Amino acid sequence: MRRVLEDEEYLVSILQEGKDAFATVKSMVPDLLILDLKLGDMSGQDVLKQVKGDPTTADVPVIVYTAAVLEAEEVSHLIESEPQFYTAVHLLRKPFELTALLDKVEELLDTSGHSSH
């Protein structure tokens, strides 16, 4: 995934652990966040709630991805139940085509007013 994004000239930063993810996202305020729900040390849902709950990062578009059916359903329900809170959050279920990811990245960046590259 990283290589595909970098090949499209996106600047990519990778975080391996969830516990530091929010602090890093808050300090960087990226144009877009791609979040795996399966993190080694905490739930991706918790990171998503932190990102969307903080005024500094609330407007950052997020692509959430997972292969876990139950987690996907939970996140889908969260987004539907509080659409005003979970603005610009899109769920991708694994496996997905990388072209679908790139299309969604471009769409979310365009919608949020950030440049595509």
N, C-alpha and C. Protein backbone atom coordinates (compact mmCIF):
# COMPACT_ATOMS: atom_id res chain seq x y z
N MET A 1 0.82 -1.19 0.00
CA MET A 1 0.00 0.00 0.00
C MET A 1 0.88 1.26 0.00
N ARG A 2 1.90 1.26 0.86
CA ARG A 2 2.78 2.42 0.93
C ARG A 2 3.41 2.71 -0.42
N ARG A 3 3.93 1.67 -1.07
CA ARG A 3 4.60 1.85 -2.35
C ARG A 3 3.66 2.43 -3.41
N VAL A 4 2.45 1.92 -3.44
CA VAL A 4 1.46 2.40 -4.41
C VAL A 4 1.18 3.88 -4.18
N LEU A 5 1.02 4.28 -2.94
CA LEU A 5 0.77 5.69 -2.63
C LEU A 5 1.98 6.56 -2.97
N GLU A 6 3.17 6.07 -2.64
CA GLU A 6 4.38 6.83 -2.96
C GLU A 6 4.61 6.91 -4.46
N ASP A 7 4.26 5.86 -5.18
CA ASP A 7 4.36 5.89 -6.65
C ASP A 7 3.46 6.97 -7.25
N GLU A 8 2.39 7.29 -6.54
CA GLU A 8 1.47 8.35 -6.99
C GLU A 8 1.90 9.72 -6.43
N GLU A 9 3.09 9.74 -5.83
CA GLU A 9 3.71 10.96 -5.30
C GLU A 9 3.04 11.52 -4.05
N TYR A 10 2.43 10.64 -3.28
CA TYR A 10 1.92 11.04 -1.97
C TYR A 10 3.04 10.87 -0.95
N LEU A 11 3.13 11.76 0.00
CA LEU A 11 4.07 11.64 1.11
C LEU A 11 3.40 10.77 2.16
N VAL A 12 4.05 9.67 2.54
CA VAL A 12 3.45 8.67 3.42
C VAL A 12 4.26 8.54 4.71
N SER A 13 3.58 8.55 5.84
CA SER A 13 4.18 8.26 7.14
C SER A 13 3.46 7.04 7.70
N ILE A 14 4.21 6.10 8.25
CA ILE A 14 3.64 4.86 8.78
C ILE A 14 3.82 4.84 10.30
N LEU A 15 2.75 4.50 11.00
CA LEU A 15 2.81 4.30 12.44
C LEU A 15 2.42 2.87 12.72
N GLN A 16 3.20 2.18 13.52
CA GLN A 16 2.95 0.77 13.80
C GLN A 16 2.08 0.54 15.02
N GLU A 17 2.11 1.45 15.96
CA GLU A 17 1.40 1.25 17.22
C GLU A 17 0.29 2.28 17.39
N GLY A 18 -0.81 1.83 17.94
CA GLY A 18 -1.95 2.71 18.15
C GLY A 18 -1.78 3.69 19.29
N LYS A 19 -1.01 3.31 20.32
CA LYS A 19 -0.92 4.15 21.51
C LYS A 19 -0.32 5.52 21.22
N ASP A 20 0.58 5.59 20.24
CA ASP A 20 1.20 6.87 19.89
C ASP A 20 0.53 7.51 18.68
N ALA A 21 -0.40 6.82 18.07
CA ALA A 21 -0.98 7.28 16.80
C ALA A 21 -1.67 8.63 16.94
N PHE A 22 -2.53 8.78 17.93
CA PHE A 22 -3.28 10.02 18.04
C PHE A 22 -2.35 11.21 18.29
N ALA A 23 -1.39 11.06 19.19
CA ALA A 23 -0.47 12.16 19.48
C ALA A 23 0.30 12.56 18.22
N THR A 24 0.71 11.57 17.44
CA THR A 24 1.43 11.85 16.20
C THR A 24 0.53 12.52 15.18
N VAL A 25 -0.68 12.00 15.02
CA VAL A 25 -1.64 12.60 14.09
C VAL A 25 -1.93 14.05 14.50
N LYS A 26 -2.11 14.28 15.79
CA LYS A 26 -2.41 15.63 16.27
C LYS A 26 -1.24 16.58 16.01
N SER A 27 -0.02 16.10 16.15
CA SER A 27 1.13 16.98 15.93
C SER A 27 1.39 17.22 14.44
N MET A 28 1.06 16.24 13.60
CA MET A 28 1.28 16.37 12.15
C MET A 28 0.10 17.00 11.42
N VAL A 29 -1.11 16.73 11.87
CA VAL A 29 -2.36 17.07 11.20
C VAL A 29 -2.24 16.77 9.70
N PRO A 30 -2.28 15.48 9.36
CA PRO A 30 -2.11 15.08 7.96
C PRO A 30 -3.31 15.48 7.10
N ASP A 31 -3.11 15.47 5.79
CA ASP A 31 -4.20 15.74 4.85
C ASP A 31 -5.21 14.61 4.84
N LEU A 32 -4.74 13.40 5.18
CA LEU A 32 -5.58 12.20 5.14
C LEU A 32 -4.98 11.15 6.05
N LEU A 33 -5.82 10.37 6.71
CA LEU A 33 -5.38 9.27 7.56
C LEU A 33 -5.95 7.97 7.03
N ILE A 34 -5.08 6.98 6.83
CA ILE A 34 -5.53 5.63 6.46
C ILE A 34 -5.28 4.76 7.69
N LEU A 35 -6.35 4.20 8.24
CA LEU A 35 -6.29 3.55 9.54
C LEU A 35 -6.74 2.10 9.48
N ASP A 36 -5.87 1.19 9.88
CA ASP A 36 -6.23 -0.22 10.01
C ASP A 36 -6.91 -0.38 11.37
N LEU A 37 -8.02 -1.09 11.40
CA LEU A 37 -8.71 -1.29 12.68
C LEU A 37 -7.97 -2.26 13.58
N LYS A 38 -7.11 -3.10 13.01
CA LYS A 38 -6.34 -4.05 13.80
C LYS A 38 -4.96 -3.48 14.07
N LEU A 39 -4.80 -2.87 15.23
CA LEU A 39 -3.51 -2.35 15.65
C LEU A 39 -2.99 -3.28 16.73
N GLY A 40 -1.68 -3.33 16.87
CA GLY A 40 -1.09 -4.26 17.81
C GLY A 40 -1.47 -4.04 19.26
N ASP A 41 -1.60 -2.79 19.66
CA ASP A 41 -1.75 -2.49 21.08
C ASP A 41 -3.08 -1.85 21.47
N MET A 42 -3.88 -1.46 20.50
CA MET A 42 -5.19 -0.88 20.82
C MET A 42 -6.09 -0.93 19.60
N SER A 43 -7.33 -0.63 19.79
CA SER A 43 -8.30 -0.69 18.70
C SER A 43 -8.19 0.53 17.79
N GLY A 44 -8.27 0.28 16.50
CA GLY A 44 -8.32 1.37 15.54
C GLY A 44 -9.55 2.25 15.75
N GLN A 45 -10.62 1.63 16.26
CA GLN A 45 -11.83 2.41 16.57
C GLN A 45 -11.54 3.48 17.62
N ASP A 46 -10.72 3.13 18.60
CA ASP A 46 -10.36 4.10 19.64
C ASP A 46 -9.57 5.27 19.05
N VAL A 47 -8.65 4.95 18.14
CA VAL A 47 -7.88 6.01 17.48
C VAL A 47 -8.83 6.89 16.66
N LEU A 48 -9.75 6.27 15.94
CA LEU A 48 -10.72 7.02 15.14
C LEU A 48 -11.54 7.97 16.02
N LYS A 49 -12.01 7.47 17.16
CA LYS A 49 -12.79 8.31 18.08
C LYS A 49 -11.96 9.48 18.60
N GLN A 50 -10.68 9.24 18.89
CA GLN A 50 -9.81 10.32 19.36
C GLN A 50 -9.61 11.37 18.27
N VAL A 51 -9.34 10.90 17.05
CA VAL A 51 -9.10 11.82 15.93
C VAL A 51 -10.33 12.68 15.67
N LYS A 52 -11.50 12.05 15.60
CA LYS A 52 -12.72 12.78 15.28
C LYS A 52 -13.25 13.59 16.47
N GLY A 53 -12.80 13.26 17.68
CA GLY A 53 -13.25 13.97 18.86
C GLY A 53 -12.43 15.19 19.24
N ASP A 54 -11.31 15.39 18.56
CA ASP A 54 -10.43 16.52 18.88
C ASP A 54 -10.58 17.61 17.81
N PRO A 55 -10.80 18.86 18.23
CA PRO A 55 -10.99 19.93 17.25
C PRO A 55 -9.82 20.12 16.28
N THR A 56 -8.61 19.78 16.72
CA THR A 56 -7.44 19.93 15.86
C THR A 56 -7.46 18.95 14.69
N THR A 57 -8.00 17.76 14.92
CA THR A 57 -7.94 16.70 13.91
C THR A 57 -9.31 16.27 13.38
N ALA A 58 -10.37 16.85 13.89
CA ALA A 58 -11.72 16.41 13.53
C ALA A 58 -12.01 16.46 12.04
N ASP A 59 -11.41 17.41 11.33
CA ASP A 59 -11.68 17.56 9.90
C ASP A 59 -10.78 16.71 9.00
N VAL A 60 -9.85 15.97 9.59
CA VAL A 60 -8.97 15.11 8.78
C VAL A 60 -9.79 13.96 8.21
N PRO A 61 -9.80 13.81 6.87
CA PRO A 61 -10.51 12.66 6.29
C PRO A 61 -9.82 11.36 6.69
N VAL A 62 -10.61 10.31 6.88
CA VAL A 62 -10.06 9.02 7.33
C VAL A 62 -10.61 7.90 6.46
N ILE A 63 -9.70 7.05 5.99
CA ILE A 63 -10.09 5.79 5.36
C ILE A 63 -9.77 4.70 6.37
N VAL A 64 -10.78 3.98 6.79
CA VAL A 64 -10.64 2.89 7.75
C VAL A 64 -10.72 1.59 6.97
N TYR A 65 -9.79 0.67 7.24
CA TYR A 65 -9.88 -0.61 6.55
C TYR A 65 -9.71 -1.77 7.52
N THR A 66 -10.35 -2.89 7.16
CA THR A 66 -10.28 -4.09 7.99
C THR A 66 -10.76 -5.29 7.20
N ALA A 67 -10.33 -6.45 7.64
CA ALA A 67 -10.85 -7.71 7.09
C ALA A 67 -11.87 -8.31 8.04
N ALA A 68 -11.92 -7.81 9.26
CA ALA A 68 -12.81 -8.35 10.28
C ALA A 68 -14.25 -7.88 10.05
N VAL A 69 -15.13 -8.81 9.79
CA VAL A 69 -16.52 -8.49 9.47
C VAL A 69 -17.20 -7.76 10.62
N LEU A 70 -17.05 -8.26 11.84
CA LEU A 70 -17.70 -7.62 12.99
C LEU A 70 -17.21 -6.19 13.22
N GLU A 71 -15.91 -5.99 13.12
CA GLU A 71 -15.36 -4.65 13.29
C GLU A 71 -15.86 -3.72 12.20
N ALA A 72 -15.92 -4.23 10.98
CA ALA A 72 -16.42 -3.42 9.86
C ALA A 72 -17.86 -3.00 10.12
N GLU A 73 -18.67 -3.93 10.61
CA GLU A 73 -20.07 -3.61 10.91
C GLU A 73 -20.17 -2.59 12.04
N GLU A 74 -19.32 -2.72 13.06
CA GLU A 74 -19.33 -1.77 14.18
C GLU A 74 -18.99 -0.36 13.70
N VAL A 75 -17.95 -0.25 12.88
CA VAL A 75 -17.54 1.06 12.38
C VAL A 75 -18.61 1.64 11.46
N SER A 76 -19.16 0.80 10.62
CA SER A 76 -20.24 1.24 9.73
C SER A 76 -21.41 1.79 10.55
N HIS A 77 -21.75 1.09 11.62
CA HIS A 77 -22.83 1.54 12.50
C HIS A 77 -22.48 2.87 13.18
N LEU A 78 -21.23 3.00 13.64
CA LEU A 78 -20.78 4.25 14.27
C LEU A 78 -20.96 5.42 13.31
N ILE A 79 -20.49 5.24 12.08
CA ILE A 79 -20.56 6.30 11.08
C ILE A 79 -22.02 6.68 10.80
N GLU A 80 -22.87 5.66 10.66
CA GLU A 80 -24.28 5.92 10.37
C GLU A 80 -25.02 6.55 11.55
N SER A 81 -24.63 6.17 12.77
CA SER A 81 -25.35 6.67 13.95
C SER A 81 -24.98 8.11 14.30
N GLU A 82 -23.77 8.53 13.95
CA GLU A 82 -23.33 9.90 14.25
C GLU A 82 -22.63 10.51 13.04
N PRO A 83 -23.34 10.71 11.94
CA PRO A 83 -22.68 11.20 10.72
C PRO A 83 -22.05 12.58 10.89
N GLN A 84 -22.59 13.41 11.77
CA GLN A 84 -22.02 14.73 11.99
C GLN A 84 -20.69 14.64 12.73
N PHE A 85 -20.50 13.59 13.53
CA PHE A 85 -19.25 13.38 14.27
C PHE A 85 -18.21 12.70 13.38
N TYR A 86 -18.66 11.71 12.62
CA TYR A 86 -17.74 10.94 11.77
C TYR A 86 -17.78 11.45 10.34
N THR A 87 -17.53 12.75 10.18
CA THR A 87 -17.49 13.32 8.83
C THR A 87 -16.23 12.86 8.11
N ALA A 88 -16.34 12.68 6.82
CA ALA A 88 -15.21 12.29 5.96
C ALA A 88 -14.52 11.02 6.45
N VAL A 89 -15.32 10.03 6.86
CA VAL A 89 -14.79 8.72 7.22
C VAL A 89 -15.35 7.72 6.22
N HIS A 90 -14.45 6.95 5.61
CA HIS A 90 -14.87 5.95 4.63
C HIS A 90 -14.31 4.59 5.03
N LEU A 91 -15.13 3.57 4.92
CA LEU A 91 -14.74 2.21 5.29
C LEU A 91 -14.42 1.40 4.04
N LEU A 92 -13.24 0.77 4.02
CA LEU A 92 -12.87 -0.17 2.97
C LEU A 92 -12.71 -1.54 3.63
N ARG A 93 -13.34 -2.53 3.06
CA ARG A 93 -13.23 -3.89 3.59
C ARG A 93 -12.21 -4.67 2.79
N LYS A 94 -11.28 -5.31 3.50
CA LYS A 94 -10.27 -6.16 2.85
C LYS A 94 -10.94 -7.44 2.38
N PRO A 95 -10.50 -8.00 1.31
CA PRO A 95 -9.50 -7.44 0.39
C PRO A 95 -10.14 -6.36 -0.48
N PHE A 96 -9.35 -5.37 -0.83
CA PHE A 96 -9.82 -4.33 -1.74
C PHE A 96 -8.74 -4.09 -2.79
N GLU A 97 -9.18 -3.61 -3.92
CA GLU A 97 -8.25 -3.29 -5.00
C GLU A 97 -7.53 -1.99 -4.64
N LEU A 98 -6.24 -1.94 -4.93
CA LEU A 98 -5.49 -0.72 -4.62
C LEU A 98 -6.00 0.46 -5.44
N THR A 99 -6.57 0.19 -6.60
CA THR A 99 -7.15 1.29 -7.38
C THR A 99 -8.34 1.90 -6.64
N ALA A 100 -9.10 1.07 -5.93
CA ALA A 100 -10.22 1.59 -5.13
C ALA A 100 -9.70 2.49 -4.01
N LEU A 101 -8.58 2.10 -3.41
CA LEU A 101 -7.97 2.93 -2.37
C LEU A 101 -7.51 4.26 -2.96
N LEU A 102 -6.81 4.21 -4.08
CA LEU A 102 -6.32 5.44 -4.71
C LEU A 102 -7.47 6.37 -5.10
N ASP A 103 -8.54 5.79 -5.64
CA ASP A 103 -9.72 6.59 -6.01
C ASP A 103 -10.30 7.28 -4.78
N LYS A 104 -10.39 6.54 -3.68
CA LYS A 104 -10.97 7.10 -2.45
C LYS A 104 -10.04 8.16 -1.85
N VAL A 105 -8.73 7.94 -1.91
CA VAL A 105 -7.77 8.93 -1.42
C VAL A 105 -7.97 10.24 -2.19
N GLU A 106 -7.99 10.13 -3.51
CA GLU A 106 -8.14 11.32 -4.34
C GLU A 106 -9.48 12.03 -4.07
N GLU A 107 -10.54 11.25 -3.96
CA GLU A 107 -11.87 11.82 -3.71
C GLU A 107 -11.91 12.57 -2.37
N LEU A 108 -11.38 11.95 -1.32
CA LEU A 108 -11.41 12.58 0.00
C LEU A 108 -10.52 13.82 0.06
N LEU A 109 -9.37 13.77 -0.60
CA LEU A 109 -8.50 14.94 -0.62
C LEU A 109 -9.14 16.09 -1.40
N ASP A 110 -9.78 15.76 -2.51
CA ASP A 110 -10.47 16.79 -3.30
C ASP A 110 -11.61 17.40 -2.51
N THR A 111 -12.39 16.56 -1.85
CA THR A 111 -13.55 17.01 -1.07
C THR A 111 -13.13 17.88 0.10
N SER A 112 -12.00 17.53 0.72
CA SER A 112 -11.54 18.28 1.89
C SER A 112 -10.77 19.54 1.52
N GLY A 113 -10.55 19.73 0.22
CA GLY A 113 -9.86 20.94 -0.22
C GLY A 113 -8.35 20.82 -0.24
N HIS A 114 -7.83 19.62 -0.04
CA HIS A 114 -6.39 19.40 -0.10
C HIS A 114 -6.03 18.99 -1.52
N SER A 115 -4.80 19.27 -1.90
CA SER A 115 -4.39 18.89 -3.25
C SER A 115 -4.23 17.39 -3.35
N SER A 116 -4.35 16.87 -4.55
CA SER A 116 -4.26 15.43 -4.78
C SER A 116 -2.86 14.90 -4.53
N HIS A 117 -1.85 15.70 -4.77
CA HIS A 117 -0.46 15.24 -4.59
C HIS A 117 0.37 16.32 -3.96
